[in-house]
Amino acid sequence: MSETATCRDRLAKYCKGDGLDIGAGGDPIVSWAITVDVRPGVKPHICCDAINLPFKDGTMDWVFSSHCLEDFEDTAAALREWLRVIKPGGYLVLFLPDQKAYEARCALDGTVPNGAHKHKEFGLEFVNQALTVACLMGDPMMITTAHALWPVPNNPYSFDLVVQKL
């Protein structure tokens, strides 16, 4: 089962209209999502680095990403780019791992944690701080939290965060 499958029932309701699934990996949040991935092997609609999206400002109703943001060194820059393409009133929908809980789960399962994760302190508070920085970069933008959940059902190391762009 994919990470996205464990959050679809809670988060797909924020994905109405036109939107992007960044790092979809073959299982987009909704069937009509424009999938974006850096790996051509997963057959995304658009193969590009998600920190430089080929869309104009304010053209998407939503951006969703599951278990991808933690792989970016500059979390605030990635969030800024994702927020840039969202229309006012649209949603940034995130399903992400809490790094400490993820590592604890790996230890329990006897598996090696994903080496692509860039931040030891990655979690809900870390992402909220990065969002604050992202909103202050360049032209300031405003957001409000629409939904946050930690821990989530059916996934012991992940959290939901949905913000609305004002």
N, C-alpha and C. Protein backbone atom coordinates (compact mmCIF):
# COMPACT_ATOMS: atom_id res chain seq x y z
N MET A 1 0.85 -1.19 0.00
CA MET A 1 0.00 0.00 0.00
C MET A 1 0.89 1.25 0.00
N SER A 2 0.56 2.20 -0.84
CA SER A 2 1.35 3.44 -0.91
C SER A 2 1.04 4.34 0.28
N GLU A 3 1.95 5.28 0.54
CA GLU A 3 1.71 6.28 1.59
C GLU A 3 0.42 7.06 1.28
N THR A 4 0.23 7.43 0.01
CA THR A 4 -0.95 8.21 -0.38
C THR A 4 -2.23 7.44 -0.09
N ALA A 5 -2.22 6.14 -0.27
CA ALA A 5 -3.43 5.34 0.00
C ALA A 5 -3.87 5.46 1.45
N THR A 6 -2.93 5.71 2.37
CA THR A 6 -3.29 5.81 3.79
C THR A 6 -3.88 7.16 4.18
N CYS A 7 -3.82 8.14 3.27
CA CYS A 7 -4.36 9.47 3.60
C CYS A 7 -5.46 9.93 2.64
N ARG A 8 -5.70 9.20 1.57
CA ARG A 8 -6.63 9.62 0.52
C ARG A 8 -8.02 9.97 1.08
N ASP A 9 -8.55 9.14 1.96
CA ASP A 9 -9.90 9.38 2.50
C ASP A 9 -10.00 10.71 3.23
N ARG A 10 -8.93 11.16 3.87
CA ARG A 10 -8.94 12.43 4.61
C ARG A 10 -8.61 13.63 3.74
N LEU A 11 -7.70 13.47 2.79
CA LEU A 11 -7.12 14.63 2.12
C LEU A 11 -7.61 14.90 0.70
N ALA A 12 -8.19 13.92 0.02
CA ALA A 12 -8.64 14.13 -1.37
C ALA A 12 -9.71 15.21 -1.46
N LYS A 13 -10.44 15.46 -0.39
CA LYS A 13 -11.49 16.48 -0.43
C LYS A 13 -10.94 17.89 -0.66
N TYR A 14 -9.65 18.10 -0.42
CA TYR A 14 -9.03 19.41 -0.67
C TYR A 14 -8.52 19.53 -2.11
N CYS A 15 -8.63 18.45 -2.85
CA CYS A 15 -8.07 18.38 -4.21
C CYS A 15 -9.18 18.46 -5.26
N LYS A 16 -9.87 19.57 -5.30
CA LYS A 16 -10.94 19.83 -6.27
C LYS A 16 -10.42 20.79 -7.32
N GLY A 17 -10.80 20.59 -8.56
CA GLY A 17 -10.34 21.46 -9.64
C GLY A 17 -8.99 20.99 -10.17
N ASP A 18 -8.21 21.94 -10.67
CA ASP A 18 -6.91 21.63 -11.26
C ASP A 18 -5.82 21.63 -10.21
N GLY A 19 -4.97 20.60 -10.23
CA GLY A 19 -3.91 20.55 -9.25
C GLY A 19 -2.79 19.61 -9.60
N LEU A 20 -1.75 19.71 -8.81
CA LEU A 20 -0.53 18.94 -9.00
C LEU A 20 -0.34 17.94 -7.87
N ASP A 21 0.14 16.77 -8.20
CA ASP A 21 0.60 15.80 -7.21
C ASP A 21 2.10 15.69 -7.40
N ILE A 22 2.85 16.27 -6.48
CA ILE A 22 4.30 16.31 -6.58
C ILE A 22 4.89 15.07 -5.93
N GLY A 23 5.65 14.32 -6.73
CA GLY A 23 6.24 13.07 -6.25
C GLY A 23 5.23 11.95 -6.17
N ALA A 24 4.27 11.92 -7.08
CA ALA A 24 3.17 10.96 -7.03
C ALA A 24 3.63 9.51 -7.05
N GLY A 25 4.70 9.23 -7.74
CA GLY A 25 5.23 7.87 -7.74
C GLY A 25 4.26 6.82 -8.24
N GLY A 26 3.33 7.15 -9.09
CA GLY A 26 2.42 6.18 -9.66
C GLY A 26 1.10 6.03 -8.94
N ASP A 27 0.90 6.74 -7.82
CA ASP A 27 -0.37 6.65 -7.09
C ASP A 27 -0.83 8.05 -6.70
N PRO A 28 -1.37 8.81 -7.67
CA PRO A 28 -1.79 10.18 -7.36
C PRO A 28 -2.96 10.22 -6.38
N ILE A 29 -3.07 11.32 -5.68
CA ILE A 29 -4.13 11.51 -4.69
C ILE A 29 -5.51 11.43 -5.32
N VAL A 30 -5.68 11.97 -6.52
CA VAL A 30 -6.92 11.87 -7.30
C VAL A 30 -6.54 11.54 -8.75
N SER A 31 -7.45 10.91 -9.46
CA SER A 31 -7.13 10.44 -10.82
C SER A 31 -6.82 11.56 -11.80
N TRP A 32 -7.35 12.75 -11.58
CA TRP A 32 -7.16 13.87 -12.53
C TRP A 32 -5.95 14.75 -12.19
N ALA A 33 -5.20 14.39 -11.18
CA ALA A 33 -4.03 15.17 -10.80
C ALA A 33 -3.01 15.20 -11.93
N ILE A 34 -2.36 16.34 -12.09
CA ILE A 34 -1.19 16.44 -12.96
C ILE A 34 -0.02 15.96 -12.12
N THR A 35 0.57 14.84 -12.50
CA THR A 35 1.65 14.27 -11.69
C THR A 35 3.00 14.87 -12.10
N VAL A 36 3.77 15.19 -11.08
CA VAL A 36 5.10 15.79 -11.26
C VAL A 36 6.09 14.93 -10.49
N ASP A 37 7.14 14.51 -11.18
CA ASP A 37 8.16 13.72 -10.51
C ASP A 37 9.48 13.95 -11.22
N VAL A 38 10.55 13.81 -10.49
CA VAL A 38 11.88 13.97 -11.08
C VAL A 38 12.34 12.65 -11.72
N ARG A 39 11.64 11.56 -11.40
CA ARG A 39 12.00 10.23 -11.90
C ARG A 39 11.13 9.88 -13.11
N PRO A 40 11.71 9.85 -14.32
CA PRO A 40 10.92 9.54 -15.50
C PRO A 40 10.34 8.12 -15.48
N GLY A 41 10.95 7.20 -14.77
CA GLY A 41 10.49 5.82 -14.72
C GLY A 41 9.10 5.64 -14.13
N VAL A 42 8.62 6.60 -13.33
CA VAL A 42 7.28 6.48 -12.76
C VAL A 42 6.22 7.08 -13.68
N LYS A 43 6.64 7.52 -14.86
CA LYS A 43 5.76 8.06 -15.90
C LYS A 43 4.88 9.21 -15.42
N PRO A 44 5.51 10.27 -14.90
CA PRO A 44 4.71 11.44 -14.51
C PRO A 44 4.25 12.19 -15.76
N HIS A 45 3.22 13.03 -15.58
CA HIS A 45 2.82 13.91 -16.67
C HIS A 45 3.94 14.89 -17.01
N ILE A 46 4.61 15.38 -15.95
CA ILE A 46 5.71 16.33 -16.11
C ILE A 46 6.89 15.83 -15.30
N CYS A 47 8.02 15.70 -15.98
CA CYS A 47 9.25 15.27 -15.31
C CYS A 47 10.11 16.52 -15.12
N CYS A 48 10.20 16.97 -13.88
CA CYS A 48 10.99 18.16 -13.58
C CYS A 48 11.31 18.20 -12.09
N ASP A 49 12.21 19.09 -11.74
CA ASP A 49 12.53 19.34 -10.35
C ASP A 49 11.39 20.16 -9.75
N ALA A 50 10.84 19.72 -8.67
CA ALA A 50 9.66 20.37 -8.08
C ALA A 50 9.97 21.69 -7.40
N ILE A 51 11.20 22.14 -7.48
CA ILE A 51 11.55 23.44 -6.91
C ILE A 51 11.56 24.51 -8.01
N ASN A 52 11.26 24.08 -9.24
CA ASN A 52 11.20 24.99 -10.38
C ASN A 52 10.08 24.51 -11.31
N LEU A 53 8.84 24.70 -10.88
CA LEU A 53 7.68 24.19 -11.63
C LEU A 53 7.41 25.02 -12.88
N PRO A 54 7.03 24.37 -13.98
CA PRO A 54 6.78 25.07 -15.24
C PRO A 54 5.34 25.59 -15.36
N PHE A 55 4.87 26.28 -14.33
CA PHE A 55 3.51 26.82 -14.31
C PHE A 55 3.56 28.29 -13.90
N LYS A 56 2.62 29.06 -14.41
CA LYS A 56 2.53 30.47 -14.03
C LYS A 56 2.02 30.59 -12.61
N ASP A 57 2.24 31.75 -12.02
CA ASP A 57 1.75 32.05 -10.67
C ASP A 57 0.23 31.90 -10.62
N GLY A 58 -0.26 31.32 -9.54
CA GLY A 58 -1.70 31.28 -9.27
C GLY A 58 -2.53 30.55 -10.30
N THR A 59 -2.04 29.45 -10.85
CA THR A 59 -2.79 28.73 -11.88
C THR A 59 -3.43 27.44 -11.38
N MET A 60 -3.09 26.99 -10.20
CA MET A 60 -3.59 25.71 -9.68
C MET A 60 -4.53 25.93 -8.50
N ASP A 61 -5.51 25.05 -8.39
CA ASP A 61 -6.43 25.09 -7.25
C ASP A 61 -5.81 24.43 -6.02
N TRP A 62 -4.89 23.53 -6.26
CA TRP A 62 -4.26 22.80 -5.15
C TRP A 62 -2.94 22.20 -5.59
N VAL A 63 -2.09 21.93 -4.61
CA VAL A 63 -0.87 21.14 -4.79
C VAL A 63 -0.85 20.14 -3.64
N PHE A 64 -0.65 18.88 -3.99
CA PHE A 64 -0.55 17.80 -3.00
C PHE A 64 0.84 17.18 -3.10
N SER A 65 1.38 16.79 -1.96
CA SER A 65 2.61 16.02 -1.96
C SER A 65 2.63 15.09 -0.75
N SER A 66 3.01 13.85 -1.02
CA SER A 66 3.11 12.84 0.03
C SER A 66 4.55 12.34 0.11
N HIS A 67 5.14 12.49 1.27
CA HIS A 67 6.46 11.91 1.55
C HIS A 67 7.47 12.27 0.47
N CYS A 68 7.60 13.56 0.22
CA CYS A 68 8.54 14.07 -0.78
C CYS A 68 9.30 15.28 -0.23
N LEU A 69 8.62 16.15 0.47
CA LEU A 69 9.21 17.41 0.95
C LEU A 69 10.44 17.18 1.83
N GLU A 70 10.46 16.10 2.57
CA GLU A 70 11.59 15.82 3.47
C GLU A 70 12.89 15.53 2.71
N ASP A 71 12.78 15.33 1.40
CA ASP A 71 13.96 15.07 0.57
C ASP A 71 14.61 16.35 0.03
N PHE A 72 14.00 17.50 0.30
CA PHE A 72 14.54 18.78 -0.18
C PHE A 72 15.43 19.40 0.89
N GLU A 73 16.62 19.80 0.51
CA GLU A 73 17.52 20.47 1.44
C GLU A 73 16.91 21.80 1.90
N ASP A 74 16.39 22.58 0.94
CA ASP A 74 15.81 23.89 1.24
C ASP A 74 14.28 23.76 1.27
N THR A 75 13.78 23.33 2.40
CA THR A 75 12.34 23.09 2.57
C THR A 75 11.52 24.33 2.29
N ALA A 76 11.96 25.48 2.78
CA ALA A 76 11.20 26.73 2.59
C ALA A 76 11.12 27.10 1.11
N ALA A 77 12.20 26.90 0.36
CA ALA A 77 12.18 27.22 -1.08
C ALA A 77 11.21 26.31 -1.82
N ALA A 78 11.18 25.04 -1.48
CA ALA A 78 10.23 24.12 -2.11
C ALA A 78 8.79 24.54 -1.80
N LEU A 79 8.52 24.85 -0.54
CA LEU A 79 7.16 25.27 -0.16
C LEU A 79 6.78 26.57 -0.86
N ARG A 80 7.71 27.49 -0.95
CA ARG A 80 7.46 28.78 -1.63
C ARG A 80 7.05 28.54 -3.08
N GLU A 81 7.78 27.63 -3.75
CA GLU A 81 7.48 27.33 -5.14
C GLU A 81 6.11 26.68 -5.28
N TRP A 82 5.78 25.77 -4.39
CA TRP A 82 4.49 25.09 -4.45
C TRP A 82 3.35 26.08 -4.18
N LEU A 83 3.55 26.97 -3.21
CA LEU A 83 2.54 27.99 -2.92
C LEU A 83 2.40 28.99 -4.07
N ARG A 84 3.49 29.26 -4.77
CA ARG A 84 3.47 30.22 -5.88
C ARG A 84 2.43 29.85 -6.94
N VAL A 85 2.31 28.57 -7.26
CA VAL A 85 1.42 28.16 -8.35
C VAL A 85 -0.04 28.01 -7.92
N ILE A 86 -0.30 28.12 -6.62
CA ILE A 86 -1.67 27.96 -6.10
C ILE A 86 -2.41 29.30 -6.16
N LYS A 87 -3.67 29.23 -6.61
CA LYS A 87 -4.54 30.40 -6.66
C LYS A 87 -4.90 30.82 -5.23
N PRO A 88 -5.20 32.11 -5.02
CA PRO A 88 -5.77 32.50 -3.72
C PRO A 88 -7.04 31.68 -3.46
N GLY A 89 -7.15 31.16 -2.26
CA GLY A 89 -8.27 30.30 -1.90
C GLY A 89 -7.96 28.83 -2.10
N GLY A 90 -6.85 28.53 -2.78
CA GLY A 90 -6.46 27.14 -3.04
C GLY A 90 -5.69 26.54 -1.87
N TYR A 91 -5.39 25.26 -1.99
CA TYR A 91 -4.82 24.50 -0.88
C TYR A 91 -3.46 23.87 -1.20
N LEU A 92 -2.58 23.92 -0.23
CA LEU A 92 -1.36 23.12 -0.22
C LEU A 92 -1.65 21.97 0.73
N VAL A 93 -1.62 20.75 0.21
CA VAL A 93 -2.04 19.55 0.95
C VAL A 93 -0.81 18.65 1.11
N LEU A 94 -0.39 18.47 2.35
CA LEU A 94 0.84 17.73 2.62
C LEU A 94 0.58 16.52 3.51
N PHE A 95 1.20 15.41 3.16
CA PHE A 95 1.21 14.21 3.98
C PHE A 95 2.68 13.83 4.12
N LEU A 96 3.20 13.93 5.34
CA LEU A 96 4.65 13.88 5.53
C LEU A 96 5.04 13.03 6.73
N PRO A 97 6.29 12.56 6.73
CA PRO A 97 6.75 11.77 7.88
C PRO A 97 7.30 12.65 8.99
N ASP A 98 7.06 12.23 10.20
CA ASP A 98 7.78 12.78 11.34
C ASP A 98 9.06 11.95 11.42
N GLN A 99 10.21 12.58 11.24
CA GLN A 99 11.46 11.83 11.10
C GLN A 99 11.77 10.96 12.31
N LYS A 100 11.56 11.49 13.49
CA LYS A 100 11.87 10.69 14.69
C LYS A 100 10.95 9.47 14.80
N ALA A 101 9.66 9.65 14.53
CA ALA A 101 8.72 8.53 14.56
C ALA A 101 9.03 7.54 13.44
N TYR A 102 9.43 8.06 12.28
CA TYR A 102 9.79 7.20 11.15
C TYR A 102 11.00 6.34 11.49
N GLU A 103 12.03 6.96 12.06
CA GLU A 103 13.23 6.19 12.43
C GLU A 103 12.92 5.16 13.50
N ALA A 104 12.05 5.50 14.45
CA ALA A 104 11.65 4.54 15.48
C ALA A 104 10.91 3.36 14.85
N ARG A 105 10.06 3.64 13.89
CA ARG A 105 9.33 2.57 13.20
C ARG A 105 10.29 1.68 12.41
N CYS A 106 11.26 2.28 11.75
CA CYS A 106 12.27 1.50 11.01
C CYS A 106 13.04 0.59 11.96
N ALA A 107 13.41 1.12 13.12
CA ALA A 107 14.13 0.32 14.12
C ALA A 107 13.28 -0.87 14.57
N LEU A 108 12.01 -0.62 14.78
CA LEU A 108 11.09 -1.67 15.18
C LEU A 108 10.96 -2.75 14.11
N ASP A 109 10.89 -2.30 12.85
CA ASP A 109 10.72 -3.21 11.71
C ASP A 109 12.03 -3.85 11.26
N GLY A 110 13.17 -3.32 11.76
CA GLY A 110 14.47 -3.82 11.33
C GLY A 110 14.84 -3.38 9.92
N THR A 111 14.32 -2.21 9.50
CA THR A 111 14.64 -1.69 8.17
C THR A 111 15.53 -0.46 8.28
N VAL A 112 16.21 -0.16 7.20
CA VAL A 112 17.10 1.00 7.16
C VAL A 112 16.28 2.22 6.74
N PRO A 113 16.35 3.33 7.50
CA PRO A 113 15.62 4.54 7.11
C PRO A 113 16.07 5.07 5.75
N ASN A 114 15.17 5.75 5.08
CA ASN A 114 15.45 6.34 3.78
C ASN A 114 16.56 7.39 3.91
N GLY A 115 17.66 7.17 3.21
CA GLY A 115 18.81 8.06 3.29
C GLY A 115 18.61 9.39 2.58
N ALA A 116 17.52 9.52 1.79
CA ALA A 116 17.26 10.78 1.08
C ALA A 116 16.66 11.85 1.99
N HIS A 117 16.17 11.47 3.16
CA HIS A 117 15.60 12.44 4.09
C HIS A 117 16.71 13.38 4.57
N LYS A 118 16.49 14.68 4.46
CA LYS A 118 17.54 15.66 4.70
C LYS A 118 17.59 16.24 6.11
N HIS A 119 16.53 16.09 6.91
CA HIS A 119 16.46 16.82 8.18
C HIS A 119 16.10 15.89 9.34
N LYS A 120 16.96 15.83 10.33
CA LYS A 120 16.73 14.99 11.51
C LYS A 120 15.53 15.45 12.33
N GLU A 121 15.23 16.75 12.29
CA GLU A 121 14.14 17.31 13.09
C GLU A 121 12.85 17.48 12.29
N PHE A 122 12.76 16.87 11.10
CA PHE A 122 11.60 17.04 10.24
C PHE A 122 10.34 16.51 10.93
N GLY A 123 9.33 17.36 10.98
CA GLY A 123 8.06 17.02 11.59
C GLY A 123 7.11 18.19 11.42
N LEU A 124 5.97 18.14 12.05
CA LEU A 124 4.95 19.17 11.90
C LEU A 124 5.47 20.56 12.27
N GLU A 125 6.16 20.68 13.39
CA GLU A 125 6.69 21.98 13.82
C GLU A 125 7.74 22.50 12.83
N PHE A 126 8.61 21.61 12.35
CA PHE A 126 9.64 21.98 11.38
C PHE A 126 8.99 22.54 10.11
N VAL A 127 7.96 21.85 9.61
CA VAL A 127 7.29 22.29 8.38
C VAL A 127 6.55 23.60 8.60
N ASN A 128 5.91 23.76 9.74
CA ASN A 128 5.24 25.04 10.03
C ASN A 128 6.25 26.20 10.05
N GLN A 129 7.42 25.98 10.60
CA GLN A 129 8.46 27.02 10.60
C GLN A 129 8.93 27.32 9.18
N ALA A 130 9.10 26.27 8.36
CA ALA A 130 9.51 26.46 6.96
C ALA A 130 8.43 27.20 6.18
N LEU A 131 7.17 26.94 6.46
CA LEU A 131 6.07 27.67 5.81
C LEU A 131 6.11 29.15 6.16
N THR A 132 6.40 29.46 7.41
CA THR A 132 6.53 30.86 7.83
C THR A 132 7.62 31.55 7.04
N VAL A 133 8.76 30.90 6.91
CA VAL A 133 9.87 31.46 6.13
C VAL A 133 9.46 31.60 4.67
N ALA A 134 8.82 30.58 4.11
CA ALA A 134 8.40 30.60 2.70
C ALA A 134 7.47 31.77 2.43
N CYS A 135 6.57 32.04 3.35
CA CYS A 135 5.60 33.12 3.16
C CYS A 135 6.23 34.51 3.27
N LEU A 136 7.38 34.60 3.91
CA LEU A 136 8.06 35.88 4.07
C LEU A 136 9.07 36.15 2.96
N MET A 137 9.43 35.14 2.18
CA MET A 137 10.41 35.30 1.10
C MET A 137 9.80 36.09 -0.04
N GLY A 138 10.60 36.96 -0.67
CA GLY A 138 10.13 37.69 -1.85
C GLY A 138 8.90 38.52 -1.52
N ASP A 139 7.87 38.41 -2.34
CA ASP A 139 6.59 39.05 -2.06
C ASP A 139 5.89 38.26 -0.96
N PRO A 140 5.65 38.86 0.19
CA PRO A 140 5.00 38.11 1.27
C PRO A 140 3.63 37.60 0.84
N MET A 141 3.29 36.42 1.30
CA MET A 141 1.97 35.85 1.04
C MET A 141 1.39 35.36 2.35
N MET A 142 0.09 35.23 2.38
CA MET A 142 -0.61 34.81 3.59
C MET A 142 -1.21 33.43 3.39
N ILE A 143 -1.17 32.63 4.46
CA ILE A 143 -1.81 31.32 4.47
C ILE A 143 -2.51 31.15 5.80
N THR A 144 -3.41 30.20 5.84
CA THR A 144 -4.04 29.80 7.10
C THR A 144 -4.13 28.28 7.13
N THR A 145 -4.01 27.72 8.31
CA THR A 145 -4.10 26.26 8.44
C THR A 145 -5.56 25.84 8.34
N ALA A 146 -5.83 24.92 7.42
CA ALA A 146 -7.18 24.39 7.23
C ALA A 146 -7.35 23.05 7.94
N HIS A 147 -6.25 22.32 8.09
CA HIS A 147 -6.31 20.98 8.70
C HIS A 147 -4.90 20.57 9.11
N ALA A 148 -4.77 20.04 10.29
CA ALA A 148 -3.51 19.45 10.74
C ALA A 148 -3.86 18.25 11.62
N LEU A 149 -3.13 17.15 11.44
CA LEU A 149 -3.41 15.95 12.21
C LEU A 149 -2.12 15.18 12.45
N TRP A 150 -1.84 14.95 13.73
CA TRP A 150 -0.69 14.14 14.14
C TRP A 150 -0.99 13.51 15.46
N PRO A 151 -0.91 12.24 15.62
CA PRO A 151 -0.65 11.23 14.60
C PRO A 151 -1.89 10.98 13.74
N VAL A 152 -1.69 10.27 12.64
CA VAL A 152 -2.80 9.95 11.74
C VAL A 152 -3.14 8.48 11.86
N PRO A 153 -4.38 8.11 11.54
CA PRO A 153 -4.74 6.69 11.55
C PRO A 153 -4.02 5.93 10.44
N ASN A 154 -3.72 4.69 10.66
CA ASN A 154 -3.16 3.77 9.65
C ASN A 154 -1.74 4.10 9.19
N ASN A 155 -1.07 5.05 9.83
CA ASN A 155 0.31 5.35 9.46
C ASN A 155 0.97 5.95 10.70
N PRO A 156 1.73 5.15 11.44
CA PRO A 156 2.22 5.56 12.75
C PRO A 156 3.30 6.64 12.76
N TYR A 157 3.80 7.02 11.60
CA TYR A 157 4.90 7.99 11.59
C TYR A 157 4.64 9.20 10.70
N SER A 158 3.40 9.40 10.27
CA SER A 158 3.11 10.50 9.34
C SER A 158 2.12 11.49 9.91
N PHE A 159 2.08 12.68 9.30
CA PHE A 159 1.14 13.72 9.71
C PHE A 159 0.55 14.40 8.48
N ASP A 160 -0.63 15.00 8.66
CA ASP A 160 -1.31 15.79 7.64
C ASP A 160 -1.09 17.26 7.96
N LEU A 161 -0.94 18.06 6.91
CA LEU A 161 -0.96 19.51 7.06
C LEU A 161 -1.56 20.10 5.77
N VAL A 162 -2.64 20.83 5.94
CA VAL A 162 -3.29 21.51 4.81
C VAL A 162 -3.37 22.97 5.13
N VAL A 163 -2.82 23.80 4.23
CA VAL A 163 -2.91 25.24 4.39
C VAL A 163 -3.62 25.83 3.19
N GLN A 164 -4.37 26.88 3.45
CA GLN A 164 -5.08 27.59 2.38
C GLN A 164 -4.34 28.89 2.11
N LYS A 165 -4.13 29.17 0.83
CA LYS A 165 -3.49 30.41 0.43
C LYS A 165 -4.55 31.50 0.39
N LEU A 166 -4.28 32.60 1.06
CA LEU A 166 -5.25 33.70 1.13
C LEU A 166 -4.99 34.73 0.04
